[in-house]
Amino acid sequence: MKVSDVMTCDVITVPRSASLKEAASVLVQHDISGVPVVDGGGKVVGVFSEQAMPAGTCSGTSLCAGSSGTDSAVSTVPVIVVPQTANDDEEGL
């Protein structure tokens, strides 16, 4: 089995300028634990996840009321996207 067999093609993202409340709402709305964060040009600049949120930032239904942008809760570990090629099967990818 390959990643391509289980990956999502219609990727949900949040803009870098999103508040923690907005980003957390996206996680809840789509029942996901993380979402790519993109800049104004659509380039992935990080990943926002439940685990990256500062402790005590979100609780109950308030979902981060009054919090600032997502920058403080975004992992900036490089994201690598590998396009599918015709010879992926031959290379064992």
N, C-alpha and C. Protein backbone atom coordinates (compact mmCIF):
# COMPACT_ATOMS: atom_id res chain seq x y z
N MET A 1 0.85 -1.17 0.00
CA MET A 1 0.00 0.00 0.00
C MET A 1 0.89 1.24 0.00
N LYS A 2 0.43 2.25 -0.71
CA LYS A 2 1.18 3.49 -0.84
C LYS A 2 0.42 4.64 -0.17
N VAL A 3 1.15 5.70 0.10
CA VAL A 3 0.54 6.91 0.64
C VAL A 3 -0.55 7.38 -0.31
N SER A 4 -0.32 7.28 -1.60
CA SER A 4 -1.30 7.75 -2.59
C SER A 4 -2.62 6.99 -2.49
N ASP A 5 -2.60 5.81 -1.91
CA ASP A 5 -3.83 5.02 -1.74
C ASP A 5 -4.73 5.58 -0.65
N VAL A 6 -4.17 6.34 0.28
CA VAL A 6 -4.95 6.84 1.41
C VAL A 6 -4.89 8.35 1.59
N MET A 7 -4.15 9.04 0.73
CA MET A 7 -3.99 10.49 0.89
C MET A 7 -5.24 11.25 0.49
N THR A 8 -5.32 12.47 0.95
CA THR A 8 -6.40 13.38 0.61
C THR A 8 -5.90 14.33 -0.47
N CYS A 9 -6.64 14.43 -1.56
CA CYS A 9 -6.25 15.33 -2.64
C CYS A 9 -6.81 16.73 -2.45
N ASP A 10 -7.98 16.85 -1.87
CA ASP A 10 -8.59 18.15 -1.60
C ASP A 10 -8.15 18.58 -0.20
N VAL A 11 -6.97 19.16 -0.12
CA VAL A 11 -6.35 19.48 1.16
C VAL A 11 -6.98 20.73 1.77
N ILE A 12 -7.35 20.63 3.03
CA ILE A 12 -7.88 21.76 3.78
C ILE A 12 -6.68 22.51 4.35
N THR A 13 -6.67 23.83 4.20
CA THR A 13 -5.57 24.64 4.71
C THR A 13 -6.13 25.82 5.50
N VAL A 14 -5.26 26.47 6.25
CA VAL A 14 -5.62 27.73 6.91
C VAL A 14 -4.54 28.74 6.55
N PRO A 15 -4.94 30.02 6.42
CA PRO A 15 -3.93 31.04 6.13
C PRO A 15 -3.10 31.34 7.38
N ARG A 16 -1.90 31.78 7.16
CA ARG A 16 -1.00 32.14 8.26
C ARG A 16 -1.63 33.18 9.18
N SER A 17 -2.49 34.02 8.64
CA SER A 17 -3.11 35.09 9.42
C SER A 17 -4.30 34.63 10.26
N ALA A 18 -4.70 33.35 10.13
CA ALA A 18 -5.85 32.85 10.89
C ALA A 18 -5.57 32.92 12.39
N SER A 19 -6.61 33.20 13.15
CA SER A 19 -6.46 33.18 14.61
C SER A 19 -6.45 31.74 15.08
N LEU A 20 -6.00 31.52 16.31
CA LEU A 20 -6.04 30.16 16.86
C LEU A 20 -7.47 29.65 16.90
N LYS A 21 -8.42 30.54 17.21
CA LYS A 21 -9.83 30.15 17.25
C LYS A 21 -10.28 29.67 15.88
N GLU A 22 -9.92 30.39 14.83
CA GLU A 22 -10.30 29.99 13.48
C GLU A 22 -9.67 28.66 13.08
N ALA A 23 -8.39 28.50 13.37
CA ALA A 23 -7.70 27.26 13.02
C ALA A 23 -8.26 26.08 13.81
N ALA A 24 -8.53 26.30 15.09
CA ALA A 24 -9.11 25.23 15.91
C ALA A 24 -10.50 24.86 15.41
N SER A 25 -11.25 25.85 14.97
CA SER A 25 -12.59 25.59 14.42
C SER A 25 -12.52 24.72 13.17
N VAL A 26 -11.49 24.95 12.34
CA VAL A 26 -11.31 24.12 11.14
C VAL A 26 -11.05 22.67 11.55
N LEU A 27 -10.22 22.48 12.57
CA LEU A 27 -9.93 21.11 13.04
C LEU A 27 -11.21 20.42 13.50
N VAL A 28 -12.01 21.13 14.28
CA VAL A 28 -13.26 20.57 14.81
C VAL A 28 -14.26 20.31 13.68
N GLN A 29 -14.43 21.30 12.81
CA GLN A 29 -15.40 21.20 11.72
C GLN A 29 -15.12 20.01 10.81
N HIS A 30 -13.85 19.74 10.54
CA HIS A 30 -13.48 18.68 9.61
C HIS A 30 -13.03 17.40 10.31
N ASP A 31 -13.10 17.38 11.64
CA ASP A 31 -12.72 16.22 12.44
C ASP A 31 -11.31 15.74 12.08
N ILE A 32 -10.38 16.69 12.10
CA ILE A 32 -8.98 16.40 11.80
C ILE A 32 -8.10 16.89 12.94
N SER A 33 -6.88 16.40 13.01
CA SER A 33 -6.00 16.79 14.12
C SER A 33 -4.92 17.77 13.71
N GLY A 34 -4.80 18.05 12.41
CA GLY A 34 -3.80 18.98 11.94
C GLY A 34 -4.16 19.51 10.56
N VAL A 35 -3.59 20.67 10.24
CA VAL A 35 -3.90 21.31 8.96
C VAL A 35 -2.69 22.11 8.49
N PRO A 36 -2.37 22.05 7.18
CA PRO A 36 -1.27 22.86 6.67
C PRO A 36 -1.60 24.35 6.78
N VAL A 37 -0.59 25.16 7.11
CA VAL A 37 -0.73 26.61 7.17
C VAL A 37 -0.03 27.16 5.93
N VAL A 38 -0.73 28.04 5.19
CA VAL A 38 -0.19 28.56 3.95
C VAL A 38 -0.01 30.08 4.00
N ASP A 39 0.95 30.56 3.20
CA ASP A 39 1.15 32.01 3.11
C ASP A 39 0.19 32.57 2.06
N GLY A 40 0.31 33.85 1.76
CA GLY A 40 -0.57 34.50 0.80
C GLY A 40 -0.53 33.91 -0.59
N GLY A 41 0.57 33.26 -0.94
CA GLY A 41 0.70 32.64 -2.26
C GLY A 41 0.30 31.18 -2.30
N GLY A 42 -0.19 30.67 -1.16
CA GLY A 42 -0.61 29.27 -1.11
C GLY A 42 0.51 28.29 -0.80
N LYS A 43 1.71 28.80 -0.50
CA LYS A 43 2.85 27.94 -0.16
C LYS A 43 2.74 27.48 1.29
N VAL A 44 2.95 26.19 1.51
CA VAL A 44 2.89 25.65 2.87
C VAL A 44 4.07 26.19 3.67
N VAL A 45 3.75 26.81 4.81
CA VAL A 45 4.79 27.37 5.67
C VAL A 45 4.89 26.65 7.01
N GLY A 46 3.96 25.73 7.25
CA GLY A 46 3.98 24.98 8.50
C GLY A 46 2.74 24.13 8.65
N VAL A 47 2.59 23.54 9.82
CA VAL A 47 1.44 22.69 10.12
C VAL A 47 0.89 23.10 11.48
N PHE A 48 -0.41 23.35 11.55
CA PHE A 48 -1.08 23.66 12.81
C PHE A 48 -1.75 22.38 13.28
N SER A 49 -1.53 22.02 14.54
CA SER A 49 -2.13 20.80 15.06
C SER A 49 -2.59 20.98 16.49
N GLU A 50 -3.43 20.06 16.92
CA GLU A 50 -3.90 20.08 18.31
C GLU A 50 -2.72 20.05 19.26
N GLN A 51 -1.72 19.24 18.96
CA GLN A 51 -0.57 19.09 19.84
C GLN A 51 0.29 20.34 19.89
N ALA A 52 0.25 21.17 18.85
CA ALA A 52 1.09 22.37 18.81
C ALA A 52 0.48 23.55 19.56
N MET A 53 -0.82 23.46 19.87
CA MET A 53 -1.47 24.58 20.56
C MET A 53 -0.93 24.71 21.98
N PRO A 54 -0.65 25.93 22.40
CA PRO A 54 -0.20 26.13 23.77
C PRO A 54 -1.23 25.60 24.77
N ALA A 55 -0.76 24.95 25.83
CA ALA A 55 -1.66 24.39 26.84
C ALA A 55 -2.58 25.46 27.39
N GLY A 56 -3.85 25.11 27.52
CA GLY A 56 -4.83 26.02 28.08
C GLY A 56 -5.34 27.07 27.10
N THR A 57 -4.86 27.04 25.87
CA THR A 57 -5.30 28.04 24.89
C THR A 57 -6.75 27.84 24.52
N CYS A 58 -7.16 26.61 24.33
CA CYS A 58 -8.53 26.32 23.92
C CYS A 58 -9.19 25.42 24.93
N SER A 59 -10.42 25.75 25.26
CA SER A 59 -11.16 24.89 26.17
C SER A 59 -12.64 24.98 25.88
N GLY A 60 -13.32 23.87 26.04
CA GLY A 60 -14.77 23.84 25.83
C GLY A 60 -15.18 24.35 24.47
N THR A 61 -16.28 25.08 24.45
CA THR A 61 -16.78 25.58 23.17
C THR A 61 -16.24 26.96 22.83
N SER A 62 -15.46 27.55 23.71
CA SER A 62 -14.93 28.88 23.43
C SER A 62 -13.89 28.85 22.32
N LEU A 63 -13.25 27.72 22.10
CA LEU A 63 -12.26 27.56 21.04
C LEU A 63 -11.33 28.76 20.87
N CYS A 64 -10.52 28.97 21.84
CA CYS A 64 -9.45 29.97 21.75
C CYS A 64 -9.95 31.41 21.69
N ALA A 65 -10.97 31.73 22.37
CA ALA A 65 -11.51 33.10 22.32
C ALA A 65 -10.44 34.11 22.66
N GLY A 66 -10.32 35.10 21.80
CA GLY A 66 -9.40 36.20 22.04
C GLY A 66 -7.94 35.90 21.74
N SER A 67 -7.62 34.76 21.18
CA SER A 67 -6.21 34.45 20.91
C SER A 67 -5.76 35.09 19.61
N SER A 68 -4.46 35.20 19.46
CA SER A 68 -3.90 35.85 18.27
C SER A 68 -3.70 34.85 17.13
N GLY A 69 -2.88 35.20 16.16
CA GLY A 69 -2.67 34.37 14.98
C GLY A 69 -2.07 33.01 15.28
N THR A 70 -1.95 32.20 14.23
CA THR A 70 -1.50 30.82 14.39
C THR A 70 0.00 30.69 14.51
N ASP A 71 0.78 31.75 14.25
CA ASP A 71 2.24 31.62 14.23
C ASP A 71 2.81 30.95 15.47
N SER A 72 2.25 31.22 16.65
CA SER A 72 2.80 30.66 17.88
C SER A 72 2.52 29.17 18.03
N ALA A 73 1.60 28.63 17.25
CA ALA A 73 1.23 27.22 17.39
C ALA A 73 1.49 26.43 16.12
N VAL A 74 2.34 26.96 15.25
CA VAL A 74 2.62 26.30 13.98
C VAL A 74 3.98 25.64 14.02
N SER A 75 4.01 24.37 13.64
CA SER A 75 5.27 23.67 13.48
C SER A 75 5.88 24.11 12.16
N THR A 76 7.14 24.51 12.17
CA THR A 76 7.78 24.95 10.93
C THR A 76 8.74 23.92 10.38
N VAL A 77 8.57 22.68 10.80
CA VAL A 77 9.38 21.60 10.25
C VAL A 77 9.11 21.58 8.75
N PRO A 78 10.14 21.48 7.92
CA PRO A 78 9.92 21.51 6.48
C PRO A 78 8.92 20.46 6.01
N VAL A 79 8.07 20.87 5.08
CA VAL A 79 7.09 19.97 4.49
C VAL A 79 7.60 19.62 3.11
N ILE A 80 7.67 18.34 2.80
CA ILE A 80 8.15 17.89 1.50
C ILE A 80 6.98 17.30 0.74
N VAL A 81 6.75 17.80 -0.46
CA VAL A 81 5.70 17.28 -1.31
C VAL A 81 6.36 16.65 -2.51
N VAL A 82 6.07 15.37 -2.74
CA VAL A 82 6.66 14.64 -3.84
C VAL A 82 5.60 14.37 -4.88
N PRO A 83 5.75 14.94 -6.09
CA PRO A 83 4.74 14.70 -7.12
C PRO A 83 4.78 13.26 -7.60
N GLN A 84 3.62 12.75 -7.96
CA GLN A 84 3.54 11.38 -8.48
C GLN A 84 4.09 11.37 -9.89
N THR A 85 4.89 10.37 -10.20
CA THR A 85 5.43 10.22 -11.55
C THR A 85 5.02 8.88 -12.12
N ALA A 86 5.17 8.73 -13.42
CA ALA A 86 4.78 7.49 -14.10
C ALA A 86 5.58 6.30 -13.64
N ASN A 87 6.80 6.51 -13.18
CA ASN A 87 7.64 5.38 -12.80
C ASN A 87 7.68 5.13 -11.30
N ASP A 88 6.72 5.67 -10.53
CA ASP A 88 6.69 5.43 -9.08
C ASP A 88 6.62 3.95 -8.76
N ASP A 89 5.83 3.18 -9.52
CA ASP A 89 5.70 1.75 -9.27
C ASP A 89 7.03 1.03 -9.45
N GLU A 90 7.80 1.44 -10.45
CA GLU A 90 9.07 0.81 -10.71
C GLU A 90 10.09 1.09 -9.61
N GLU A 91 9.99 2.26 -9.02
CA GLU A 91 10.95 2.66 -7.98
C GLU A 91 10.53 2.18 -6.59
N GLY A 92 9.35 1.60 -6.48
CA GLY A 92 8.88 1.11 -5.19
C GLY A 92 8.39 2.23 -4.30
N LEU A 93 8.01 3.37 -4.87
CA LEU A 93 7.51 4.48 -4.08
C LEU A 93 6.05 4.37 -3.83
